[in-house]
PDB file of N, CA and C in Angstrom:
ATOM      1  N   MET A   1     106.278 247.381 247.753  1.00  0.00           N
ATOM      2  CA  MET A   1     107.719 247.473 247.579  1.00  0.00           C
ATOM      3  C   MET A   1     108.330 246.101 247.299  1.00  0.00           C
ATOM      4  N   PRO A   2     107.982 245.049 248.102  1.00  0.00           N
ATOM      5  CA  PRO A   2     108.546 243.731 247.798  1.00  0.00           C
ATOM      6  C   PRO A   2     108.099 243.236 246.427  1.00  0.00           C
ATOM      7  N   LEU A   3     106.871 243.558 246.035  1.00  0.00           N
ATOM      8  CA  LEU A   3     106.377 243.139 244.729  1.00  0.00           C
ATOM      9  C   LEU A   3     107.219 243.753 243.621  1.00  0.00           C
ATOM     10  N   ALA A   4     107.552 245.016 243.748  1.00  0.00           N
ATOM     11  CA  ALA A   4     108.361 245.690 242.724  1.00  0.00           C
ATOM     12  C   ALA A   4     109.752 245.076 242.642  1.00  0.00           C
ATOM     13  N   MET A   5     110.325 244.744 243.797  1.00  0.00           N
ATOM     14  CA  MET A   5     111.664 244.148 243.773  1.00  0.00           C
ATOM     15  C   MET A   5     111.638 242.748 243.156  1.00  0.00           C
ATOM     16  N   VAL A   6     110.585 241.978 243.431  1.00  0.00           N
ATOM     17  CA  VAL A   6     110.463 240.638 242.837  1.00  0.00           C
ATOM     18  C   VAL A   6     110.342 240.754 241.320  1.00  0.00           C
ATOM     19  N   LEU A   7     109.516 241.672 240.867  1.00  0.00           N
ATOM     20  CA  LEU A   7     109.321 241.838 239.426  1.00  0.00           C
ATOM     21  C   LEU A   7     110.605 242.300 238.735  1.00  0.00           C
ATOM     22  N   VAL A   8     111.312 243.229 239.359  1.00  0.00           N
ATOM     23  CA  VAL A   8     112.582 243.691 238.783  1.00  0.00           C
ATOM     24  C   VAL A   8     113.582 242.542 238.760  1.00  0.00           C
ATOM     25  N   GLY A   9     113.623 241.726 239.811  1.00  0.00           N
ATOM     26  CA  GLY A   9     114.528 240.570 239.844  1.00  0.00           C
ATOM     27  C   GLY A   9     114.198 239.580 238.744  1.00  0.00           C
ATOM     28  N   ILE A  10     112.914 239.316 238.522  1.00  0.00           N
ATOM     29  CA  ILE A  10     112.510 238.400 237.445  1.00  0.00           C
ATOM     30  C   ILE A  10     112.932 238.956 236.098  1.00  0.00           C
ATOM     31  N   LEU A  11     112.664 240.235 235.890  1.00  0.00           N
ATOM     32  CA  LEU A  11     113.015 240.844 234.611  1.00  0.00           C
ATOM     33  C   LEU A  11     114.531 240.823 234.384  1.00  0.00           C
ATOM     34  N   LEU A  12     115.326 241.068 235.408  1.00  0.00           N
ATOM     35  CA  LEU A  12     116.784 241.093 235.241  1.00  0.00           C
ATOM     36  C   LEU A  12     117.372 239.699 235.048  1.00  0.00           C
ATOM     37  N   ILE A  13     116.925 238.743 235.891  1.00  0.00           N
ATOM     38  CA  ILE A  13     117.521 237.407 235.836  1.00  0.00           C
ATOM     39  C   ILE A  13     117.053 236.658 234.594  1.00  0.00           C
ATOM     40  N   ILE A  14     115.742 236.538 234.443  1.00  0.00           N
ATOM     41  CA  ILE A  14     115.228 235.772 233.301  1.00  0.00           C
ATOM     42  C   ILE A  14     115.330 236.594 232.022  1.00  0.00           C
ATOM     43  N   GLY A  15     115.248 237.907 232.150  1.00  0.00           N
ATOM     44  CA  GLY A  15     115.317 238.768 230.963  1.00  0.00           C
ATOM     45  C   GLY A  15     116.652 238.704 230.252  1.00  0.00           C
ATOM     46  N   SER A  16     117.706 238.323 230.949  1.00  0.00           N
ATOM     47  CA  SER A  16     119.010 238.216 230.288  1.00  0.00           C
ATOM     48  C   SER A  16     119.048 237.028 229.332  1.00  0.00           C
ATOM     49  N   PHE A  17     118.183 236.009 229.540  1.00  0.00           N
ATOM     50  CA  PHE A  17     118.130 234.847 228.636  1.00  0.00           C
ATOM     51  C   PHE A  17     117.025 235.009 227.600  1.00  0.00           C
ATOM     52  N   ALA A  18     115.797 235.280 228.094  1.00  0.00           N
ATOM     53  CA  ALA A  18     114.658 235.379 227.164  1.00  0.00           C
ATOM     54  C   ALA A  18     113.740 236.472 227.678  1.00  0.00           C
ATOM     55  N   LEU A  19     113.619 237.517 226.909  1.00  0.00           N
ATOM     56  CA  LEU A  19     112.822 238.681 227.317  1.00  0.00           C
ATOM     57  C   LEU A  19     111.337 238.343 227.367  1.00  0.00           C
ATOM     58  N   ALA A  20     110.842 237.580 226.407  1.00  0.00           N
ATOM     59  CA  ALA A  20     109.413 237.243 226.375  1.00  0.00           C
ATOM     60  C   ALA A  20     109.035 236.402 227.599  1.00  0.00           C
ATOM     61  N   THR A  21     109.881 235.444 227.952  1.00  0.00           N
ATOM     62  CA  THR A  21     109.622 234.602 229.117  1.00  0.00           C
ATOM     63  C   THR A  21     109.654 235.440 230.393  1.00  0.00           C
ATOM     64  N   ALA A  22     110.566 236.387 230.469  1.00  0.00           N
ATOM     65  CA  ALA A  22     110.662 237.264 231.635  1.00  0.00           C
ATOM     66  C   ALA A  22     109.406 238.111 231.772  1.00  0.00           C
ATOM     67  N   LEU A  23     108.902 238.631 230.654  1.00  0.00           N
ATOM     68  CA  LEU A  23     107.685 239.443 230.703  1.00  0.00           C
ATOM     69  C   LEU A  23     106.481 238.613 231.135  1.00  0.00           C
ATOM     70  N   VAL A  24     106.374 237.377 230.601  1.00  0.00           N
ATOM     71  CA  VAL A  24     105.260 236.503 230.989  1.00  0.00           C
ATOM     72  C   VAL A  24     105.373 236.143 232.468  1.00  0.00           C
ATOM     73  N   ALA A  25     106.555 235.776 232.937  1.00  0.00           N
ATOM     74  CA  ALA A  25     106.750 235.428 234.342  1.00  0.00           C
ATOM     75  C   ALA A  25     106.437 236.616 235.243  1.00  0.00           C
ATOM     76  N   ALA A  26     106.881 237.812 234.840  1.00  0.00           N
ATOM     77  CA  ALA A  26     106.593 239.015 235.626  1.00  0.00           C
ATOM     78  C   ALA A  26     105.091 239.285 235.658  1.00  0.00           C
ATOM     79  N   ALA A  27     104.413 239.076 234.531  1.00  0.00           N
ATOM     80  CA  ALA A  27     102.969 239.287 234.488  1.00  0.00           C
ATOM     81  C   ALA A  27     102.243 238.283 235.392  1.00  0.00           C
ATOM     82  N   VAL A  28     102.677 237.021 235.365  1.00  0.00           N
ATOM     83  CA  VAL A  28     102.041 236.001 236.211  1.00  0.00           C
ATOM     84  C   VAL A  28     102.265 236.319 237.684  1.00  0.00           C
ATOM     85  N   VAL A  29     103.515 236.607 238.053  1.00  0.00           N
ATOM     86  CA  VAL A  29     103.813 236.925 239.453  1.00  0.00           C
ATOM     87  C   VAL A  29     103.069 238.188 239.879  1.00  0.00           C
ATOM     88  N   GLY A  30     103.077 239.187 239.027  1.00  0.00           N
ATOM     89  CA  GLY A  30     102.361 240.427 239.338  1.00  0.00           C
ATOM     90  C   GLY A  30     100.858 240.194 239.471  1.00  0.00           C
ATOM     91  N   GLY A  31     100.313 239.342 238.601  1.00  0.00           N
ATOM     92  CA  GLY A  31      98.887 239.028 238.680  1.00  0.00           C
ATOM     93  C   GLY A  31      98.531 238.313 239.975  1.00  0.00           C
ATOM     94  N   VAL A  32      99.374 237.342 240.355  1.00  0.00           N
ATOM     95  CA  VAL A  32      99.115 236.617 241.605  1.00  0.00           C
ATOM     96  C   VAL A  32      99.208 237.566 242.796  1.00  0.00           C
ATOM     97  N   TRP A  33     100.259 238.364 242.821  1.00  0.00           N
ATOM     98  CA  TRP A  33     100.407 239.329 243.909  1.00  0.00           C
ATOM     99  C   TRP A  33      99.226 240.305 243.923  1.00  0.00           C
ATOM    100  N   GLY A  34      98.803 240.734 242.754  1.00  0.00           N
ATOM    101  CA  GLY A  34      97.660 241.644 242.664  1.00  0.00           C
ATOM    102  C   GLY A  34      96.399 241.007 243.241  1.00  0.00           C
ATOM    103  N   LEU A  35      96.174 239.715 242.920  1.00  0.00           N
ATOM    104  CA  LEU A  35      95.009 239.026 243.476  1.00  0.00           C
ATOM    105  C   LEU A  35      95.100 238.895 244.995  1.00  0.00           C
ATOM    106  N   VAL A  36      96.304 238.571 245.469  1.00  0.00           N
ATOM    107  CA  VAL A  36      96.495 238.447 246.920  1.00  0.00           C
ATOM    108  C   VAL A  36      96.226 239.787 247.607  1.00  0.00           C
ATOM    109  N   LEU A  37      96.777 240.854 247.049  1.00  0.00           N
ATOM    110  CA  LEU A  37      96.584 242.176 247.636  1.00  0.00           C
ATOM    111  C   LEU A  37      95.118 242.609 247.568  1.00  0.00           C
ATOM    112  N   ARG A  38      94.473 242.305 246.431  1.00  0.00           N
ATOM    113  CA  ARG A  38      93.057 242.674 246.277  1.00  0.00           C
ATOM    114  C   ARG A  38      92.189 241.911 247.281  1.00  0.00           C
ATOM    115  N   ASN A  39      92.459 240.617 247.449  1.00  0.00           N
ATOM    116  CA  ASN A  39      91.700 239.836 248.422  1.00  0.00           C
ATOM    117  C   ASN A  39      91.925 240.358 249.845  1.00  0.00           C
ATOM    118  N   GLY A  40      93.160 240.717 250.142  1.00  0.00           N
ATOM    119  CA  GLY A  40      93.453 241.298 251.459  1.00  0.00           C
ATOM    120  C   GLY A  40      92.726 242.617 251.671  1.00  0.00           C
ATOM    121  N   ALA A  41      92.701 243.444 250.612  1.00  0.00           N
ATOM    122  CA  ALA A  41      92.009 244.732 250.720  1.00  0.00           C
ATOM    123  C   ALA A  41      90.503 244.526 250.891  1.00  0.00           C
ATOM    124  N   GLN A  42      89.941 243.545 250.177  1.00  0.00           N
ATOM    125  CA  GLN A  42      88.511 243.274 250.312  1.00  0.00           C
ATOM    126  C   GLN A  42      88.187 242.737 251.707  1.00  0.00           C
ATOM    127  N   ALA A  43      89.031 241.878 252.225  1.00  0.00           N
ATOM    128  CA  ALA A  43      88.820 241.347 253.580  1.00  0.00           C
ATOM    129  C   ALA A  43      88.895 242.476 254.607  1.00  0.00           C
ATOM    130  N   ALA A  44      89.866 243.362 254.426  1.00  0.00           N
ATOM    131  CA  ALA A  44      89.997 244.494 255.342  1.00  0.00           C
ATOM    132  C   ALA A  44      88.769 245.407 255.240  1.00  0.00           C
ATOM    133  N   GLN A  45      88.273 245.611 254.034  1.00  0.00           N
ATOM    134  CA  GLN A  45      87.079 246.445 253.845  1.00  0.00           C
ATOM    135  C   GLN A  45      85.859 245.807 254.521  1.00  0.00           C
ATOM    136  N   ARG A  46      85.728 244.480 254.402  1.00  0.00           N
ATOM    137  CA  ARG A  46      84.613 243.790 255.073  1.00  0.00           C
ATOM    138  C   ARG A  46      84.721 243.942 256.587  1.00  0.00           C
ATOM    139  N   LEU A  47      85.939 243.804 257.111  1.00  0.00           N
ATOM    140  CA  LEU A  47      86.127 243.977 258.554  1.00  0.00           C
ATOM    141  C   LEU A  47      85.801 245.399 258.997  1.00  0.00           C
ATOM    142  N   GLN A  48      86.203 246.378 258.203  1.00  0.00           N
ATOM    143  CA  GLN A  48      85.891 247.772 258.533  1.00  0.00           C
ATOM    144  C   GLN A  48      84.381 248.016 258.497  1.00  0.00           C
ATOM    145  N   ASP A  49      83.709 247.464 257.469  1.00  0.00           N
ATOM    146  CA  ASP A  49      82.256 247.619 257.387  1.00  0.00           C
ATOM    147  C   ASP A  49      81.571 246.957 258.579  1.00  0.00           C
ATOM    148  N   ASN A  50      82.062 245.774 258.962  1.00  0.00           N
ATOM    149  CA  ASN A  50      81.508 245.079 260.116  1.00  0.00           C
ATOM    150  C   ASN A  50      81.722 245.895 261.393  1.00  0.00           C
ATOM    151  N   ALA A  51      82.910 246.455 261.547  1.00  0.00           N
ATOM    152  CA  ALA A  51      83.202 247.280 262.724  1.00  0.00           C
ATOM    153  C   ALA A  51      82.324 248.524 262.742  1.00  0.00           C
ATOM    154  N   ARG A  52      82.108 249.139 261.581  1.00  0.00           N
ATOM    155  CA  ARG A  52      81.229 250.308 261.506  1.00  0.00           C
ATOM    156  C   ARG A  52      79.795 249.942 261.890  1.00  0.00           C
ATOM    157  N   GLN A  53      79.340 248.775 261.430  1.00  0.00           N
ATOM    158  CA  GLN A  53      77.993 248.326 261.754  1.00  0.00           C
ATOM    159  C   GLN A  53      77.859 248.056 263.257  1.00  0.00           C
ATOM    160  N   ILE A  54      78.848 247.410 263.835  1.00  0.00           N
ATOM    161  CA  ILE A  54      78.824 247.150 265.281  1.00  0.00           C
ATOM    162  C   ILE A  54      78.830 248.463 266.058  1.00  0.00           C
ATOM    163  N   LEU A  55      79.637 249.413 265.609  1.00  0.00           N
ATOM    164  CA  LEU A  55      79.697 250.714 266.262  1.00  0.00           C
ATOM    165  C   LEU A  55      78.354 251.433 266.155  1.00  0.00           C
ATOM    166  N   GLN A  56      77.724 251.363 264.993  1.00  0.00           N
ATOM    167  CA  GLN A  56      76.423 252.005 264.807  1.00  0.00           C
ATOM    168  C   GLN A  56      75.385 251.372 265.731  1.00  0.00           C
ATOM    169  N   GLN A  57      75.390 250.041 265.833  1.00  0.00           N
ATOM    170  CA  GLN A  57      74.460 249.357 266.726  1.00  0.00           C
ATOM    171  C   GLN A  57      74.713 249.738 268.184  1.00  0.00           C
ATOM    172  N   ALA A  58      75.982 249.845 268.555  1.00  0.00           N
ATOM    173  CA  ALA A  58      76.321 250.235 269.930  1.00  0.00           C
ATOM    174  C   ALA A  58      75.850 251.658 270.216  1.00  0.00           C
ATOM    175  N   LYS A  59      75.981 252.545 269.226  1.00  0.00           N
ATOM    176  CA  LYS A  59      75.504 253.917 269.404  1.00  0.00           C
ATOM    177  C   LYS A  59      73.996 253.947 269.592  1.00  0.00           C
ATOM    178  N   LEU A  60      73.279 253.179 268.780  1.00  0.00           N
ATOM    179  CA  LEU A  60      71.821 253.133 268.908  1.00  0.00           C
ATOM    180  C   LEU A  60      71.400 252.560 270.261  1.00  0.00           C
ATOM    181  N   GLU A  61      72.073 251.492 270.687  1.00  0.00           N
ATOM    182  CA  GLU A  61      71.755 250.893 271.981  1.00  0.00           C
ATOM    183  C   GLU A  61      72.037 251.877 273.116  1.00  0.00           C
ATOM    184  N   SER A  62      73.148 252.584 273.007  1.00  0.00           N
ATOM    185  CA  SER A  62      73.494 253.578 274.015  1.00  0.00           C
ATOM    186  C   SER A  62      72.455 254.692 274.046  1.00  0.00           C
ATOM    187  N   LEU A  63      71.992 255.098 272.882  1.00  0.00           N
ATOM    188  CA  LEU A  63      70.970 256.139 272.803  1.00  0.00           C
ATOM    189  C   LEU A  63      69.667 255.662 273.436  1.00  0.00           C
ATOM    190  N   HIS A  64      69.297 254.402 273.188  1.00  0.00           N
ATOM    191  CA  HIS A  64      68.081 253.849 273.801  1.00  0.00           C
ATOM    192  C   HIS A  64      68.222 253.808 275.325  1.00  0.00           C
ATOM    193  N   HIS A  65      69.387 253.409 275.813  1.00  0.00           N
ATOM    194  CA  HIS A  65      69.617 253.368 277.259  1.00  0.00           C
ATOM    195  C   HIS A  65      69.544 254.775 277.844  1.00  0.00           C
ATOM    196  N   LEU A  66      70.111 255.744 277.138  1.00  0.00           N
ATOM    197  CA  LEU A  66      70.090 257.122 277.617  1.00  0.00           C
ATOM    198  C   LEU A  66      68.668 257.658 277.663  1.00  0.00           C
ATOM    199  N   ARG A  67      67.882 257.349 276.646  1.00  0.00           N
ATOM    200  CA  ARG A  67      66.482 257.794 276.632  1.00  0.00           C
ATOM    201  C   ARG A  67      65.695 257.119 277.753  1.00  0.00           C
ATOM    202  N   ALA A  68      65.949 255.833 277.969  1.00  0.00           N
ATOM    203  CA  ALA A  68      65.253 255.125 279.053  1.00  0.00           C
ATOM    204  C   ALA A  68      65.631 255.723 280.406  1.00  0.00           C
ATOM    205  N   ALA A  69      66.906 256.037 280.589  1.00  0.00           N
ATOM    206  CA  ALA A  69      67.343 256.646 281.847  1.00  0.00           C
ATOM    207  C   ALA A  69      66.707 258.017 282.030  1.00  0.00           C
ATOM    208  N   SER A  70      66.593 258.755 280.943  1.00  0.00           N
ATOM    209  CA  SER A  70      65.956 260.067 281.013  1.00  0.00           C
ATOM    210  C   SER A  70      64.487 259.930 281.394  1.00  0.00           C
ATOM    211  N   ALA A  71      63.802 258.944 280.832  1.00  0.00           N
ATOM    212  CA  ALA A  71      62.399 258.722 281.172  1.00  0.00           C
ATOM    213  C   ALA A  71      62.257 258.329 282.643  1.00  0.00           C
ATOM    214  N   GLU A  72      63.142 257.469 283.128  1.00  0.00           N
ATOM    215  CA  GLU A  72      63.094 257.082 284.534  1.00  0.00           C
ATOM    216  C   GLU A  72      63.350 258.279 285.440  1.00  0.00           C
ATOM    217  N   LEU A  73      64.289 259.111 285.055  1.00  0.00           N
ATOM    218  CA  LEU A  73      64.588 260.302 285.854  1.00  0.00           C
ATOM    219  C   LEU A  73      63.394 261.249 285.864  1.00  0.00           C
ATOM    220  N   THR A  74      62.742 261.394 284.734  1.00  0.00           N
ATOM    221  CA  THR A  74      61.560 262.253 284.667  1.00  0.00           C
ATOM    222  C   THR A  74      60.454 261.694 285.551  1.00  0.00           C
ATOM    223  N   ASP A  75      60.234 260.372 285.488  1.00  0.00           N
ATOM    224  CA  ASP A  75      59.220 259.749 286.344  1.00  0.00           C
ATOM    225  C   ASP A  75      59.556 259.938 287.818  1.00  0.00           C
ATOM    226  N   TRP A  76      60.810 259.721 288.168  1.00  0.00           N
ATOM    227  CA  TRP A  76      61.237 259.887 289.555  1.00  0.00           C
ATOM    228  C   TRP A  76      61.039 261.319 290.008  1.00  0.00           C
ATOM    229  N   ASN A  77      61.396 262.268 289.145  1.00  0.00           N
ATOM    230  CA  ASN A  77      61.255 263.684 289.488  1.00  0.00           C
ATOM    231  C   ASN A  77      59.789 264.037 289.695  1.00  0.00           C
ATOM    232  N   THR A  78      58.904 263.494 288.853  1.00  0.00           N
ATOM    233  CA  THR A  78      57.474 263.756 288.995  1.00  0.00           C
ATOM    234  C   THR A  78      56.964 263.196 290.313  1.00  0.00           C
ATOM    235  N   LYS A  79      57.362 261.971 290.652  1.00  0.00           N
ATOM    236  CA  LYS A  79      56.934 261.365 291.920  1.00  0.00           C
ATOM    237  C   LYS A  79      57.492 262.140 293.107  1.00  0.00           C
ATOM    238  N   GLN A  80      58.720 262.603 292.986  1.00  0.00           N
ATOM    239  CA  GLN A  80      59.342 263.361 294.069  1.00  0.00           C
ATOM    240  C   GLN A  80      58.593 264.670 294.299  1.00  0.00           C
ATOM    241  N   ARG A  81      58.227 265.351 293.227  1.00  0.00           N
ATOM    242  CA  ARG A  81      57.484 266.611 293.359  1.00  0.00           C
ATOM    243  C   ARG A  81      56.100 266.366 293.953  1.00  0.00           C
ATOM    244  N   ALA A  82      55.471 265.246 293.547  1.00  0.00           N
ATOM    245  CA  ALA A  82      54.158 264.923 294.114  1.00  0.00           C
ATOM    246  C   ALA A  82      54.287 264.647 295.612  1.00  0.00           C
ATOM    247  N   ALA A  83      55.347 263.947 295.998  1.00  0.00           N
ATOM    248  CA  ALA A  83      55.570 263.679 297.419  1.00  0.00           C
ATOM    249  C   ALA A  83      55.872 264.966 298.179  1.00  0.00           C
ATOM    250  N   ASP A  84      56.629 265.869 297.566  1.00  0.00           N
ATOM    251  CA  ASP A  84      56.914 267.148 298.203  1.00  0.00           C
ATOM    252  C   ASP A  84      55.644 267.966 298.392  1.00  0.00           C
ATOM    253  N   ALA A  85      54.695 267.841 297.474  1.00  0.00           N
ATOM    254  CA  ALA A  85      53.442 268.586 297.592  1.00  0.00           C
ATOM    255  C   ALA A  85      52.597 268.059 298.746  1.00  0.00           C
ATOM    256  N   VAL A  86      52.723 266.794 299.080  1.00  0.00           N
ATOM    257  CA  VAL A  86      51.941 266.175 300.155  1.00  0.00           C
ATOM    258  C   VAL A  86      52.604 266.377 301.511  1.00  0.00           C
ATOM    259  N   GLU A  87      53.860 266.709 301.525  1.00  0.00           N
ATOM    260  CA  GLU A  87      54.610 266.791 302.775  1.00  0.00           C
ATOM    261  C   GLU A  87      53.987 267.715 303.810  1.00  0.00           C
ATOM    262  N   PRO A  88      53.554 268.928 303.469  1.00  0.00           N
ATOM    263  CA  PRO A  88      52.972 269.787 304.513  1.00  0.00           C
ATOM    264  C   PRO A  88      51.743 269.156 305.176  1.00  0.00           C
ATOM    265  N   ARG A  89      50.897 268.491 304.390  1.00  0.00           N
ATOM    266  CA  ARG A  89      49.718 267.847 304.968  1.00  0.00           C
ATOM    267  C   ARG A  89      50.125 266.710 305.905  1.00  0.00           C
ATOM    268  N   CYS A  90      51.178 265.975 305.520  1.00  0.00           N
ATOM    269  CA  CYS A  90      51.661 264.892 306.382  1.00  0.00           C
ATOM    270  C   CYS A  90      52.209 265.439 307.693  1.00  0.00           C
ATOM    271  N   ARG A  91      52.924 266.529 307.599  1.00  0.00           N
ATOM    272  CA  ARG A  91      53.464 267.131 308.826  1.00  0.00           C
ATOM    273  C   ARG A  91      52.333 267.595 309.751  1.00  0.00           C
ATOM    274  N   GLU A  92      51.291 268.185 309.169  1.00  0.00           N
ATOM    275  CA  GLU A  92      50.152 268.608 309.972  1.00  0.00           C
ATOM    276  C   GLU A  92      49.473 267.411 310.628  1.00  0.00           C
ATOM    277  N   LEU A  93      49.335 266.324 309.895  1.00  0.00           N
ATOM    278  CA  LEU A  93      48.733 265.113 310.453  1.00  0.00           C
ATOM    279  C   LEU A  93      49.559 264.588 311.611  1.00  0.00           C
ATOM    280  N   ILE A  94      50.882 264.569 311.426  1.00  0.00           N
ATOM    281  CA  ILE A  94      51.761 264.089 312.490  1.00  0.00           C
ATOM    282  C   ILE A  94      51.640 264.981 313.724  1.00  0.00           C
ATOM    283  N   LYS A  95      51.558 266.299 313.547  1.00  0.00           N
ATOM    284  CA  LYS A  95      51.405 267.211 314.678  1.00  0.00           C
ATOM    285  C   LYS A  95      50.062 266.997 315.368  1.00  0.00           C
ATOM    286  N   SER A  96      49.042 266.716 314.581  1.00  0.00           N
ATOM    287  CA  SER A  96      47.712 266.535 315.166  1.00  0.00           C
ATOM    288  C   SER A  96      47.612 265.224 315.944  1.00  0.00           C
ATOM    289  N   LEU A  97      48.440 264.253 315.653  1.00  0.00           N
ATOM    290  CA  LEU A  97      48.404 262.999 316.388  1.00  0.00           C
ATOM    291  C   LEU A  97      48.793 263.199 317.846  1.00  0.00           C
ATOM    292  N   ASP A  98      49.669 264.137 318.102  1.00  0.00           N
ATOM    293  CA  ASP A  98      50.093 264.415 319.475  1.00  0.00           C
ATOM    294  C   ASP A  98      48.915 264.964 320.274  1.00  0.00           C
ATOM    295  N   THR A  99      48.167 265.877 319.700  1.00  0.00           N
ATOM    296  CA  THR A  99      47.035 266.462 320.414  1.00  0.00           C
ATOM    297  C   THR A  99      45.836 265.525 320.428  1.00  0.00           C
ATOM    298  N   ALA A 100      45.730 264.634 319.483  1.00  0.00           N
ATOM    299  CA  ALA A 100      44.586 263.727 319.435  1.00  0.00           C
ATOM    300  C   ALA A 100      44.621 262.725 320.577  1.00  0.00           C
ATOM    301  N   SER A 101      45.767 262.395 321.079  1.00  0.00           N
ATOM    302  CA  SER A 101      45.856 261.388 322.138  1.00  0.00           C
ATOM    303  C   SER A 101      45.712 261.980 323.533  1.00  0.00           C
ATOM    304  N   ARG A 102      45.570 263.264 323.670  1.00  0.00           N
ATOM    305  CA  ARG A 102      45.517 263.891 324.994  1.00  0.00           C
ATOM    306  C   ARG A 102      44.120 263.819 325.626  1.00  0.00           C
ATOM    307  N   GLY A 103      43.164 263.482 324.841  1.00  0.00           N
ATOM    308  CA  GLY A 103      41.818 263.410 325.405  1.00  0.00           C
ATOM    309  C   GLY A 103      41.705 262.242 326.363  1.00  0.00           C
ATOM    310  N   GLY A 104      40.830 262.406 327.352  1.00  0.00           N
ATOM    311  CA  GLY A 104      40.674 261.353 328.335  1.00  0.00           C
ATOM    312  C   GLY A 104      39.887 260.189 327.758  1.00  0.00           C
ATOM    313  N   SER A 105      40.328 259.045 328.034  1.00  0.00           N
ATOM    314  CA  SER A 105      39.647 257.844 327.585  1.00  0.00           C
ATOM    315  C   SER A 105      39.142 257.114 328.826  1.00  0.00           C
ATOM    316  N   PRO A 106      37.957 256.502 328.757  1.00  0.00           N
ATOM    317  CA  PRO A 106      37.472 255.804 329.949  1.00  0.00           C
ATOM    318  C   PRO A 106      38.362 254.640 330.349  1.00  0.00           C
ATOM    319  N   PHE A 107      39.111 254.146 329.442  1.00  0.00           N
ATOM    320  CA  PHE A 107      39.967 253.000 329.759  1.00  0.00           C
ATOM    321  C   PHE A 107      41.413 253.402 330.027  1.00  0.00           C
ATOM    322  N   GLU A 108      41.656 254.670 329.987  1.00  0.00           N
ATOM    323  CA  GLU A 108      43.022 255.126 330.151  1.00  0.00           C
ATOM    324  C   GLU A 108      43.448 254.958 331.604  1.00  0.00           C
ATOM    325  N   GLY A 109      44.572 254.429 331.817  1.00  0.00           N
ATOM    326  CA  GLY A 109      45.121 254.277 333.158  1.00  0.00           C
ATOM    327  C   GLY A 109      44.648 253.031 333.869  1.00  0.00           C
ATOM    328  N   ARG A 110      43.729 252.340 333.329  1.00  0.00           N
ATOM    329  CA  ARG A 110      43.294 251.103 333.963  1.00  0.00           C
ATOM    330  C   ARG A 110      44.230 249.985 333.600  1.00  0.00           C
ATOM    331  N   THR A 111      44.467 249.148 334.558  1.00  0.00           N
ATOM    332  CA  THR A 111      45.316 247.994 334.296  1.00  0.00           C
ATOM    333  C   THR A 111      44.532 246.736 334.595  1.00  0.00           C
ATOM    334  N   VAL A 112      44.935 245.694 334.035  1.00  0.00           N
ATOM    335  CA  VAL A 112      44.302 244.406 334.270  1.00  0.00           C
ATOM    336  C   VAL A 112      45.123 243.691 335.317  1.00  0.00           C
ATOM    337  N   ALA A 113      44.445 243.292 336.384  1.00  0.00           N
ATOM    338  CA  ALA A 113      45.156 242.614 337.450  1.00  0.00           C
ATOM    339  C   ALA A 113      45.429 241.176 337.031  1.00  0.00           C
ATOM    340  N   LYS A 114      46.573 240.712 337.380  1.00  0.00           N
ATOM    341  CA  LYS A 114      46.968 239.355 337.032  1.00  0.00           C
ATOM    342  C   LYS A 114      46.351 238.409 338.052  1.00  0.00           C
ATOM    343  N   GLU A 115      45.661 237.461 337.528  1.00  0.00           N
ATOM    344  CA  GLU A 115      45.022 236.499 338.431  1.00  0.00           C
ATOM    345  C   GLU A 115      46.042 235.442 338.795  1.00  0.00           C
ATOM    346  N   GLU A 116      46.026 235.123 340.080  1.00  0.00           N
ATOM    347  CA  GLU A 116      46.914 234.081 340.544  1.00  0.00           C
ATOM    348  C   GLU A 116      46.129 232.804 340.652  1.00  0.00           C
ATOM    349  N   THR A 117      46.723 231.762 340.203  1.00  0.00           N
ATOM    350  CA  THR A 117      46.050 230.467 340.286  1.00  0.00           C
ATOM    351  C   THR A 117      46.631 229.694 341.436  1.00  0.00           C
ATOM    352  N   ALA A 118      45.771 228.937 342.087  1.00  0.00           N
ATOM    353  CA  ALA A 118      46.230 228.144 343.223  1.00  0.00           C
ATOM    354  C   ALA A 118      46.937 226.902 342.706  1.00  0.00           C
ATOM    355  N   SER A 119      48.119 226.725 343.159  1.00  0.00           N
ATOM    356  CA  SER A 119      48.867 225.548 342.715  1.00  0.00           C
ATOM    357  C   SER A 119      48.864 224.480 343.745  1.00  0.00           C
TER     358      SER A 119
END
């Protein structure tokens, strides 16, 4: 919009004296503005492409983290199930420890007398 108003102003002001000069001036100003706008559009496109690339990399990294977490969860679940499978045997062992200590031992109940030294 500002470009159009500048060009119309050039054509009206300078065009009242010399039409050819007004057309050349309008073409030069329009060309410069066009280059500025094109460079801005290209810079914006580069920034958008860079942002898309960063986003794609972040998605891939997130996917790798998710897969790693899934693998860890699977490993943990496998270990947990293996531990659950051993639990009944452990409970039986713990119960058997109570009965294993009830047998008489030749040293059971004996105490060592403390020797007193003469001072």
